[in-house]
């Protein structure tokens, strides 16, 4: 089963307002599109995850990319902005050239296919493939080979090809009005899912028997359960709210230090720590 991680860009309902059309917010559009694209992909047999559990969830950029570990593709959904009100080209921000991996090739191949699809469905100008690297050694490996954008840096750090999909410009009136239509977002989701189906060659649920659909549904639930059981919390702010005070107390006392960069705490461990804290043993 091909697994795709979707990243709805920006948290909250009112982030990145359009200066061209009142009432448009990039964060609201990307959340809606992500839900529609998830369903469209699942109908075609993909396993789909989301980097954010709800519209207000706001994990750090690099962490969002790293949440794609074990997936086949990371897609971050956005709309763009420019001082040029006439700009409409969808921008596909992809991995930079890297001779040590083929994930950069996959990133640009997928970016080109999605970009062409967005241009066609939205009726806007030809898409752009864009890459950008940092000018410093971000991961400390002694090389200037790191992605500039946090979500792409995170995805690449776990070996997953990634693309930031900028769905035209919300500084252009016509493009913004188009993106404000839920019906248009449905069309966009279906078209993007179809091009990913063609690229990955995944079998769709529409051709399955009822028994096969039930088996697939059971498999998805089992995968979700396994992912949740093996989930670890690497930083205090990543921990559930009910455990943060206890973890902070343990780290301040140097009882918890992890490997120097992350704590790697599982939920069963957190529950034990909280119980010990409540009975006064921490």
C-alpha atoms as a PDB file:
ATOM      1  CA  UNK A   1       0.000   0.000   0.000  1.00  0.00           C
ATOM      2  CA  UNK A   2       1.437   3.381  -1.018  1.00  0.00           C
ATOM      3  CA  UNK A   3       1.364   5.839   1.887  1.00  0.00           C
ATOM      4  CA  UNK A   4       1.055   9.603   1.421  1.00  0.00           C
ATOM      5  CA  UNK A   5       1.406  12.189   4.178  1.00  0.00           C
ATOM      6  CA  UNK A   6      -0.611  15.362   3.616  1.00  0.00           C
ATOM      7  CA  UNK A   7       0.398  18.572   5.347  1.00  0.00           C
ATOM      8  CA  UNK A   8      -2.320  21.268   5.397  1.00  0.00           C
ATOM      9  CA  UNK A   9      -0.270  24.465   5.398  1.00  0.00           C
ATOM     10  CA  UNK A  10      -0.641  26.815   8.401  1.00  0.00           C
ATOM     11  CA  UNK A  11      -2.763  26.467  11.516  1.00  0.00           C
ATOM     12  CA  UNK A  12      -6.061  28.118  12.423  1.00  0.00           C
ATOM     13  CA  UNK A  13      -8.933  29.378  10.293  1.00  0.00           C
ATOM     14  CA  UNK A  14      -7.726  32.929   9.766  1.00  0.00           C
ATOM     15  CA  UNK A  15      -4.066  32.681   8.715  1.00  0.00           C
ATOM     16  CA  UNK A  16      -2.800  34.425   5.568  1.00  0.00           C
ATOM     17  CA  UNK A  17      -5.744  36.498   4.448  1.00  0.00           C
ATOM     18  CA  UNK A  18      -6.016  37.356   0.790  1.00  0.00           C
ATOM     19  CA  UNK A  19      -5.473  41.045  -0.001  1.00  0.00           C
ATOM     20  CA  UNK A  20      -7.406  40.503  -3.226  1.00  0.00           C
ATOM     21  CA  UNK A  21     -10.652  38.951  -1.934  1.00  0.00           C
ATOM     22  CA  UNK A  22     -12.139  39.480   1.504  1.00  0.00           C
ATOM     23  CA  UNK A  23     -12.931  36.247   3.349  1.00  0.00           C
ATOM     24  CA  UNK A  24     -10.179  34.073   1.901  1.00  0.00           C
ATOM     25  CA  UNK A  25      -7.645  32.561   4.301  1.00  0.00           C
ATOM     26  CA  UNK A  26      -4.899  30.223   3.130  1.00  0.00           C
ATOM     27  CA  UNK A  27      -5.122  28.093   6.286  1.00  0.00           C
ATOM     28  CA  UNK A  28      -8.844  27.482   5.799  1.00  0.00           C
ATOM     29  CA  UNK A  29      -8.429  26.524   2.126  1.00  0.00           C
ATOM     30  CA  UNK A  30      -5.553  24.126   2.756  1.00  0.00           C
ATOM     31  CA  UNK A  31      -7.398  22.363   5.578  1.00  0.00           C
ATOM     32  CA  UNK A  32     -10.483  21.880   3.414  1.00  0.00           C
ATOM     33  CA  UNK A  33      -8.433  20.699   0.430  1.00  0.00           C
ATOM     34  CA  UNK A  34      -6.475  18.247   2.597  1.00  0.00           C
ATOM     35  CA  UNK A  35      -9.693  16.591   3.810  1.00  0.00           C
ATOM     36  CA  UNK A  36     -10.989  16.253   0.258  1.00  0.00           C
ATOM     37  CA  UNK A  37      -7.676  15.001  -1.129  1.00  0.00           C
ATOM     38  CA  UNK A  38      -7.402  12.456   1.680  1.00  0.00           C
ATOM     39  CA  UNK A  39     -10.782  10.964   0.767  1.00  0.00           C
ATOM     40  CA  UNK A  40     -10.012  11.030  -2.953  1.00  0.00           C
ATOM     41  CA  UNK A  41      -6.718   9.212  -2.409  1.00  0.00           C
ATOM     42  CA  UNK A  42      -8.231   6.647  -0.059  1.00  0.00           C
ATOM     43  CA  UNK A  43     -10.896   5.820  -2.627  1.00  0.00           C
ATOM     44  CA  UNK A  44      -8.045   4.971  -4.984  1.00  0.00           C
ATOM     45  CA  UNK A  45      -6.362   2.620  -2.542  1.00  0.00           C
ATOM     46  CA  UNK A  46      -3.758   4.893  -0.916  1.00  0.00           C
ATOM     47  CA  UNK A  47      -3.059   5.000   2.809  1.00  0.00           C
ATOM     48  CA  UNK A  48      -3.162   8.680   3.829  1.00  0.00           C
ATOM     49  CA  UNK A  49      -1.958  10.484   6.943  1.00  0.00           C
ATOM     50  CA  UNK A  50      -2.239  14.106   8.094  1.00  0.00           C
ATOM     51  CA  UNK A  51       0.496  16.045   9.870  1.00  0.00           C
ATOM     52  CA  UNK A  52      -2.111  17.923  11.914  1.00  0.00           C
ATOM     53  CA  UNK A  53      -4.999  16.388  13.855  1.00  0.00           C
ATOM     54  CA  UNK A  54      -7.227  19.460  13.663  1.00  0.00           C
ATOM     55  CA  UNK A  55      -7.253  22.867  12.020  1.00  0.00           C
ATOM     56  CA  UNK A  56      -5.748  24.573  15.085  1.00  0.00           C
ATOM     57  CA  UNK A  57      -2.973  22.025  15.675  1.00  0.00           C
ATOM     58  CA  UNK A  58       0.368  23.740  14.978  1.00  0.00           C
ATOM     59  CA  UNK A  59       3.402  21.411  15.162  1.00  0.00           C
ATOM     60  CA  UNK A  60       6.809  22.885  14.221  1.00  0.00           C
ATOM     61  CA  UNK A  61       7.711  22.916  10.524  1.00  0.00           C
ATOM     62  CA  UNK A  62      10.534  20.369  10.678  1.00  0.00           C
ATOM     63  CA  UNK A  63       8.445  18.060  12.867  1.00  0.00           C
ATOM     64  CA  UNK A  64       5.643  18.163  10.300  1.00  0.00           C
ATOM     65  CA  UNK A  65       8.036  16.906   7.649  1.00  0.00           C
ATOM     66  CA  UNK A  66       9.415  14.234   9.945  1.00  0.00           C
ATOM     67  CA  UNK A  67       5.936  12.902  10.612  1.00  0.00           C
ATOM     68  CA  UNK A  68       6.104  11.418   7.115  1.00  0.00           C
ATOM     69  CA  UNK A  69       8.652   8.792   8.268  1.00  0.00           C
ATOM     70  CA  UNK A  70       7.668   5.461   6.732  1.00  0.00           C
ATOM     71  CA  UNK A  71       5.556   7.094   4.017  1.00  0.00           C
ATOM     72  CA  UNK A  72       6.235   7.203   0.275  1.00  0.00           C
ATOM     73  CA  UNK A  73       5.483  10.893  -0.314  1.00  0.00           C
ATOM     74  CA  UNK A  74       5.049  14.120   1.659  1.00  0.00           C
ATOM     75  CA  UNK A  75       2.790  16.837   0.203  1.00  0.00           C
ATOM     76  CA  UNK A  76       2.455  20.239   1.869  1.00  0.00           C
ATOM     77  CA  UNK A  77      -0.603  22.143   0.595  1.00  0.00           C
ATOM     78  CA  UNK A  78      -0.559  25.938   0.232  1.00  0.00           C
ATOM     79  CA  UNK A  79      -1.507  28.959  -1.855  1.00  0.00           C
ATOM     80  CA  UNK A  80       1.128  31.536  -2.741  1.00  0.00           C
ATOM     81  CA  UNK A  81       1.480  35.326  -2.416  1.00  0.00           C
ATOM     82  CA  UNK A  82       3.241  37.962  -4.499  1.00  0.00           C
ATOM     83  CA  UNK A  83       3.500  41.710  -4.967  1.00  0.00           C
ATOM     84  CA  UNK A  84       2.579  41.024  -8.589  1.00  0.00           C
ATOM     85  CA  UNK A  85      -1.222  40.813  -8.592  1.00  0.00           C
ATOM     86  CA  UNK A  86      -1.179  39.200 -12.051  1.00  0.00           C
ATOM     87  CA  UNK A  87       0.842  36.158 -10.912  1.00  0.00           C
ATOM     88  CA  UNK A  88      -1.131  32.888 -11.132  1.00  0.00           C
ATOM     89  CA  UNK A  89       1.429  30.114 -11.768  1.00  0.00           C
ATOM     90  CA  UNK A  90       1.264  27.178  -9.342  1.00  0.00           C
ATOM     91  CA  UNK A  91       4.685  26.786  -7.731  1.00  0.00           C
ATOM     92  CA  UNK A  92       5.971  23.308  -6.919  1.00  0.00           C
ATOM     93  CA  UNK A  93       8.766  23.637  -4.353  1.00  0.00           C
ATOM     94  CA  UNK A  94      10.790  20.435  -4.631  1.00  0.00           C
ATOM     95  CA  UNK A  95      13.974  18.832  -3.310  1.00  0.00           C
ATOM     96  CA  UNK A  96      17.250  20.262  -4.566  1.00  0.00           C
ATOM     97  CA  UNK A  97      19.717  18.134  -6.550  1.00  0.00           C
ATOM     98  CA  UNK A  98      21.352  15.431  -4.440  1.00  0.00           C
ATOM     99  CA  UNK A  99      23.596  12.740  -5.929  1.00  0.00           C
ATOM    100  CA  UNK A 100      23.243  10.625  -2.765  1.00  0.00           C
ATOM    101  CA  UNK A 101      19.535   9.879  -3.179  1.00  0.00           C
ATOM    102  CA  UNK A 102      16.801   9.536  -5.784  1.00  0.00           C
ATOM    103  CA  UNK A 103      14.253  11.315  -3.591  1.00  0.00           C
ATOM    104  CA  UNK A 104      15.090  14.596  -5.359  1.00  0.00           C
ATOM    105  CA  UNK A 105      14.165  13.040  -8.714  1.00  0.00           C
ATOM    106  CA  UNK A 106      10.888  11.681  -7.325  1.00  0.00           C
ATOM    107  CA  UNK A 107      10.134  15.048  -5.737  1.00  0.00           C
ATOM    108  CA  UNK A 108      10.516  16.899  -9.040  1.00  0.00           C
ATOM    109  CA  UNK A 109       8.698  14.257 -11.090  1.00  0.00           C
ATOM    110  CA  UNK A 110       5.692  14.365  -8.774  1.00  0.00           C
ATOM    111  CA  UNK A 111       5.909  18.160  -8.551  1.00  0.00           C
ATOM    112  CA  UNK A 112       5.825  18.486 -12.323  1.00  0.00           C
ATOM    113  CA  UNK A 113       2.807  16.178 -12.645  1.00  0.00           C
ATOM    114  CA  UNK A 114       0.832  17.912  -9.895  1.00  0.00           C
ATOM    115  CA  UNK A 115       1.843  21.358 -11.143  1.00  0.00           C
ATOM    116  CA  UNK A 116       0.609  20.599 -14.654  1.00  0.00           C
ATOM    117  CA  UNK A 117      -2.636  19.256 -13.189  1.00  0.00           C
ATOM    118  CA  UNK A 118      -3.237  22.326 -11.002  1.00  0.00           C
ATOM    119  CA  UNK A 119      -2.590  24.650 -13.959  1.00  0.00           C
ATOM    120  CA  UNK A 120      -5.053  22.726 -16.122  1.00  0.00           C
ATOM    121  CA  UNK A 121      -7.824  22.405 -13.526  1.00  0.00           C
ATOM    122  CA  UNK A 122      -7.579  26.002 -12.311  1.00  0.00           C
ATOM    123  CA  UNK A 123      -7.084  27.401 -15.809  1.00  0.00           C
ATOM    124  CA  UNK A 124      -4.023  29.414 -14.795  1.00  0.00           C
ATOM    125  CA  UNK A 125      -0.541  29.866 -16.279  1.00  0.00           C
ATOM    126  CA  UNK A 126       2.075  27.120 -16.503  1.00  0.00           C
ATOM    127  CA  UNK A 127       3.453  25.766 -13.234  1.00  0.00           C
ATOM    128  CA  UNK A 128       6.951  26.474 -11.910  1.00  0.00           C
ATOM    129  CA  UNK A 129       9.419  23.991 -10.387  1.00  0.00           C
ATOM    130  CA  UNK A 130      11.428  25.732  -7.670  1.00  0.00           C
ATOM    131  CA  UNK A 131      14.192  24.553  -5.326  1.00  0.00           C
ATOM    132  CA  UNK A 132      16.099  26.303  -2.566  1.00  0.00           C
ATOM    133  CA  UNK A 133      18.883  25.152  -0.241  1.00  0.00           C
ATOM    134  CA  UNK A 134      20.195  26.724   2.951  1.00  0.00           C
ATOM    135  CA  UNK A 135      23.464  28.648   2.995  1.00  0.00           C
ATOM    136  CA  UNK A 136      24.530  26.928   6.242  1.00  0.00           C
ATOM    137  CA  UNK A 137      25.048  23.343   7.447  1.00  0.00           C
ATOM    138  CA  UNK A 138      21.612  22.748   8.904  1.00  0.00           C
ATOM    139  CA  UNK A 139      22.030  19.090   9.880  1.00  0.00           C
ATOM    140  CA  UNK A 140      25.685  19.307  10.919  1.00  0.00           C
ATOM    141  CA  UNK A 141      27.022  16.776   8.409  1.00  0.00           C
ATOM    142  CA  UNK A 142      29.706  19.116   7.138  1.00  0.00           C
ATOM    143  CA  UNK A 143      27.989  19.758   3.801  1.00  0.00           C
ATOM    144  CA  UNK A 144      25.820  22.551   2.418  1.00  0.00           C
ATOM    145  CA  UNK A 145      23.168  20.111   1.220  1.00  0.00           C
ATOM    146  CA  UNK A 146      20.131  20.988   3.340  1.00  0.00           C
ATOM    147  CA  UNK A 147      16.695  22.102   2.192  1.00  0.00           C
ATOM    148  CA  UNK A 148      15.737  25.695   3.038  1.00  0.00           C
ATOM    149  CA  UNK A 149      12.064  25.001   3.773  1.00  0.00           C
ATOM    150  CA  UNK A 150      11.494  23.397   7.164  1.00  0.00           C
ATOM    151  CA  UNK A 151       8.883  20.848   6.105  1.00  0.00           C
ATOM    152  CA  UNK A 152      11.029  19.652   3.197  1.00  0.00           C
ATOM    153  CA  UNK A 153      14.108  19.496   5.422  1.00  0.00           C
ATOM    154  CA  UNK A 154      12.100  17.363   7.850  1.00  0.00           C
ATOM    155  CA  UNK A 155      10.789  15.015   5.157  1.00  0.00           C
ATOM    156  CA  UNK A 156      14.218  14.582   3.595  1.00  0.00           C
ATOM    157  CA  UNK A 157      15.754  13.844   7.006  1.00  0.00           C
ATOM    158  CA  UNK A 158      13.537  10.737   7.232  1.00  0.00           C
ATOM    159  CA  UNK A 159      14.132   9.730   3.604  1.00  0.00           C
ATOM    160  CA  UNK A 160      10.750  10.732   2.160  1.00  0.00           C
ATOM    161  CA  UNK A 161      10.371  12.681  -1.132  1.00  0.00           C
ATOM    162  CA  UNK A 162       8.476  15.900  -0.546  1.00  0.00           C
ATOM    163  CA  UNK A 163       6.770  18.695  -2.468  1.00  0.00           C
ATOM    164  CA  UNK A 164       5.286  21.989  -1.302  1.00  0.00           C
ATOM    165  CA  UNK A 165       2.293  22.548  -3.594  1.00  0.00           C
ATOM    166  CA  UNK A 166       1.462  26.245  -3.997  1.00  0.00           C
ATOM    167  CA  UNK A 167      -2.001  26.302  -5.580  1.00  0.00           C
ATOM    168  CA  UNK A 168      -1.646  29.532  -7.544  1.00  0.00           C
ATOM    169  CA  UNK A 169      -1.624  32.935  -5.790  1.00  0.00           C
ATOM    170  CA  UNK A 170      -4.166  34.266  -3.284  1.00  0.00           C
ATOM    171  CA  UNK A 171      -2.946  37.739  -4.249  1.00  0.00           C
ATOM    172  CA  UNK A 172      -4.677  37.264  -7.622  1.00  0.00           C
ATOM    173  CA  UNK A 173      -8.410  37.973  -7.506  1.00  0.00           C
ATOM    174  CA  UNK A 174      -9.582  35.372 -10.046  1.00  0.00           C
ATOM    175  CA  UNK A 175      -7.427  32.569  -8.617  1.00  0.00           C
ATOM    176  CA  UNK A 176      -8.561  33.390  -5.088  1.00  0.00           C
ATOM    177  CA  UNK A 177     -12.239  33.350  -6.022  1.00  0.00           C
ATOM    178  CA  UNK A 178     -11.678  29.966  -7.688  1.00  0.00           C
ATOM    179  CA  UNK A 179     -10.059  28.539  -4.536  1.00  0.00           C
ATOM    180  CA  UNK A 180     -12.924  29.788  -2.365  1.00  0.00           C
ATOM    181  CA  UNK A 181     -15.323  27.357  -4.060  1.00  0.00           C
ATOM    182  CA  UNK A 182     -15.711  24.007  -2.279  1.00  0.00           C
ATOM    183  CA  UNK A 183     -16.858  22.500  -5.568  1.00  0.00           C
ATOM    184  CA  UNK A 184     -13.616  23.621  -7.220  1.00  0.00           C
ATOM    185  CA  UNK A 185     -11.570  22.165  -4.359  1.00  0.00           C
ATOM    186  CA  UNK A 186     -13.370  18.845  -4.937  1.00  0.00           C
ATOM    187  CA  UNK A 187     -12.298  18.969  -8.596  1.00  0.00           C
ATOM    188  CA  UNK A 188      -8.753  19.776  -7.573  1.00  0.00           C
ATOM    189  CA  UNK A 189      -8.633  16.920  -5.074  1.00  0.00           C
ATOM    190  CA  UNK A 190      -9.956  14.406  -7.592  1.00  0.00           C
ATOM    191  CA  UNK A 191      -7.508  15.541 -10.277  1.00  0.00           C
ATOM    192  CA  UNK A 192      -4.496  15.463  -7.950  1.00  0.00           C
ATOM    193  CA  UNK A 193      -5.480  12.044  -6.619  1.00  0.00           C
ATOM    194  CA  UNK A 194      -5.846  10.728 -10.154  1.00  0.00           C
ATOM    195  CA  UNK A 195      -2.399  11.916 -11.230  1.00  0.00           C
ATOM    196  CA  UNK A 196      -0.860  10.316  -8.131  1.00  0.00           C
ATOM    197  CA  UNK A 197      -2.722   7.116  -8.968  1.00  0.00           C
ATOM    198  CA  UNK A 198      -1.194   7.171 -12.445  1.00  0.00           C
ATOM    199  CA  UNK A 199       2.279   7.798 -11.011  1.00  0.00           C
ATOM    200  CA  UNK A 200       2.209   5.175  -8.264  1.00  0.00           C
ATOM    201  CA  UNK A 201      -0.117   2.673  -9.973  1.00  0.00           C
ATOM    202  CA  UNK A 202      -2.220   1.981  -6.892  1.00  0.00           C
ATOM    203  CA  UNK A 203      -5.362  -0.133  -7.241  1.00  0.00           C
ATOM    204  CA  UNK A 204      -8.546   1.750  -6.440  1.00  0.00           C
ATOM    205  CA  UNK A 205     -11.325   0.754  -4.048  1.00  0.00           C
ATOM    206  CA  UNK A 206     -13.973   1.302  -6.689  1.00  0.00           C
ATOM    207  CA  UNK A 207     -12.980  -2.001  -8.309  1.00  0.00           C
ATOM    208  CA  UNK A 208     -12.959  -3.950  -5.028  1.00  0.00           C
ATOM    209  CA  UNK A 209     -15.579  -6.364  -3.756  1.00  0.00           C
ATOM    210  CA  UNK A 210     -17.333  -5.603  -0.448  1.00  0.00           C
ATOM    211  CA  UNK A 211     -15.143  -8.212   1.220  1.00  0.00           C
ATOM    212  CA  UNK A 212     -11.975  -6.624  -0.167  1.00  0.00           C
ATOM    213  CA  UNK A 213     -13.107  -3.184   1.016  1.00  0.00           C
ATOM    214  CA  UNK A 214     -13.709  -4.590   4.505  1.00  0.00           C
ATOM    215  CA  UNK A 215     -10.228  -6.171   4.514  1.00  0.00           C
ATOM    216  CA  UNK A 216      -8.671  -2.878   3.402  1.00  0.00           C
ATOM    217  CA  UNK A 217     -10.537  -0.976   6.096  1.00  0.00           C
ATOM    218  CA  UNK A 218      -9.341  -3.460   8.719  1.00  0.00           C
ATOM    219  CA  UNK A 219      -5.764  -3.129   7.443  1.00  0.00           C
ATOM    220  CA  UNK A 220      -5.921   0.666   7.679  1.00  0.00           C
ATOM    221  CA  UNK A 221      -7.186   0.438  11.277  1.00  0.00           C
ATOM    222  CA  UNK A 222      -4.365  -1.940  12.176  1.00  0.00           C
ATOM    223  CA  UNK A 223      -1.766   0.358  10.597  1.00  0.00           C
ATOM    224  CA  UNK A 224      -3.216   3.322  12.511  1.00  0.00           C
ATOM    225  CA  UNK A 225      -3.054   1.334  15.742  1.00  0.00           C
ATOM    226  CA  UNK A 226       0.546   0.265  15.171  1.00  0.00           C
ATOM    227  CA  UNK A 227       1.597   3.817  14.334  1.00  0.00           C
ATOM    228  CA  UNK A 228      -0.082   5.118  17.486  1.00  0.00           C
ATOM    229  CA  UNK A 229       1.427   2.384  19.672  1.00  0.00           C
ATOM    230  CA  UNK A 230       4.922   3.170  18.424  1.00  0.00           C
ATOM    231  CA  UNK A 231       4.537   6.945  18.578  1.00  0.00           C
ATOM    232  CA  UNK A 232       7.155   8.669  20.713  1.00  0.00           C
ATOM    233  CA  UNK A 233       7.413  12.182  22.087  1.00  0.00           C
ATOM    234  CA  UNK A 234      10.804  13.784  21.497  1.00  0.00           C
ATOM    235  CA  UNK A 235      10.293  17.176  23.152  1.00  0.00           C
ATOM    236  CA  UNK A 236       8.383  18.468  26.161  1.00  0.00           C
ATOM    237  CA  UNK A 237       6.054  20.540  23.963  1.00  0.00           C
ATOM    238  CA  UNK A 238       5.208  17.438  21.893  1.00  0.00           C
ATOM    239  CA  UNK A 239       3.966  15.537  24.961  1.00  0.00           C
ATOM    240  CA  UNK A 240       0.230  15.412  25.803  1.00  0.00           C
ATOM    241  CA  UNK A 241      -0.811  18.328  27.988  1.00  0.00           C
ATOM    242  CA  UNK A 242      -1.545  16.046  30.950  1.00  0.00           C
ATOM    243  CA  UNK A 243       2.091  14.893  31.036  1.00  0.00           C
ATOM    244  CA  UNK A 244       4.051  18.068  30.266  1.00  0.00           C
ATOM    245  CA  UNK A 245       4.475  19.324  33.847  1.00  0.00           C
ATOM    246  CA  UNK A 246       5.778  15.937  34.945  1.00  0.00           C
ATOM    247  CA  UNK A 247       8.209  15.660  32.022  1.00  0.00           C
ATOM    248  CA  UNK A 248       9.428  19.216  32.661  1.00  0.00           C
ATOM    249  CA  UNK A 249      10.020  18.346  36.306  1.00  0.00           C
ATOM    250  CA  UNK A 250      11.954  15.181  35.375  1.00  0.00           C
ATOM    251  CA  UNK A 251      14.121  16.956  32.812  1.00  0.00           C
ATOM    252  CA  UNK A 252      14.881  19.840  35.186  1.00  0.00           C
ATOM    253  CA  UNK A 253      16.073  17.286  37.750  1.00  0.00           C
ATOM    254  CA  UNK A 254      18.175  15.570  35.024  1.00  0.00           C
ATOM    255  CA  UNK A 255      16.215  12.330  35.506  1.00  0.00           C
ATOM    256  CA  UNK A 256      15.248  12.500  31.836  1.00  0.00           C
ATOM    257  CA  UNK A 257      17.888  13.449  29.299  1.00  0.00           C
ATOM    258  CA  UNK A 258      17.199  11.263  26.248  1.00  0.00           C
ATOM    259  CA  UNK A 259      20.060  11.038  23.771  1.00  0.00           C
ATOM    260  CA  UNK A 260      20.877  14.719  24.012  1.00  0.00           C
ATOM    261  CA  UNK A 261      18.638  15.707  21.106  1.00  0.00           C
ATOM    262  CA  UNK A 262      15.319  13.959  21.801  1.00  0.00           C
ATOM    263  CA  UNK A 263      13.549  12.301  24.723  1.00  0.00           C
ATOM    264  CA  UNK A 264      11.948   9.365  22.807  1.00  0.00           C
ATOM    265  CA  UNK A 265       9.153   8.891  25.370  1.00  0.00           C
ATOM    266  CA  UNK A 266       6.243   6.543  24.640  1.00  0.00           C
ATOM    267  CA  UNK A 267       2.788   7.111  26.089  1.00  0.00           C
ATOM    268  CA  UNK A 268       2.941   4.108  28.422  1.00  0.00           C
ATOM    269  CA  UNK A 269       6.126   5.577  29.932  1.00  0.00           C
ATOM    270  CA  UNK A 270       4.447   8.962  30.335  1.00  0.00           C
ATOM    271  CA  UNK A 271       1.534   7.400  32.216  1.00  0.00           C
ATOM    272  CA  UNK A 272       3.920   5.706  34.653  1.00  0.00           C
ATOM    273  CA  UNK A 273       5.840   8.961  35.223  1.00  0.00           C
ATOM    274  CA  UNK A 274       2.613  10.885  35.889  1.00  0.00           C
ATOM    275  CA  UNK A 275       1.420   8.271  38.394  1.00  0.00           C
ATOM    276  CA  UNK A 276       4.762   8.440  40.229  1.00  0.00           C
ATOM    277  CA  UNK A 277       4.538  12.222  40.215  1.00  0.00           C
ATOM    278  CA  UNK A 278       1.027  12.202  41.669  1.00  0.00           C
ATOM    279  CA  UNK A 279       2.060   9.989  44.574  1.00  0.00           C
ATOM    280  CA  UNK A 280       5.022  12.231  45.317  1.00  0.00           C
ATOM    281  CA  UNK A 281       7.891  10.087  44.048  1.00  0.00           C
ATOM    282  CA  UNK A 282       9.139  12.566  41.444  1.00  0.00           C
END
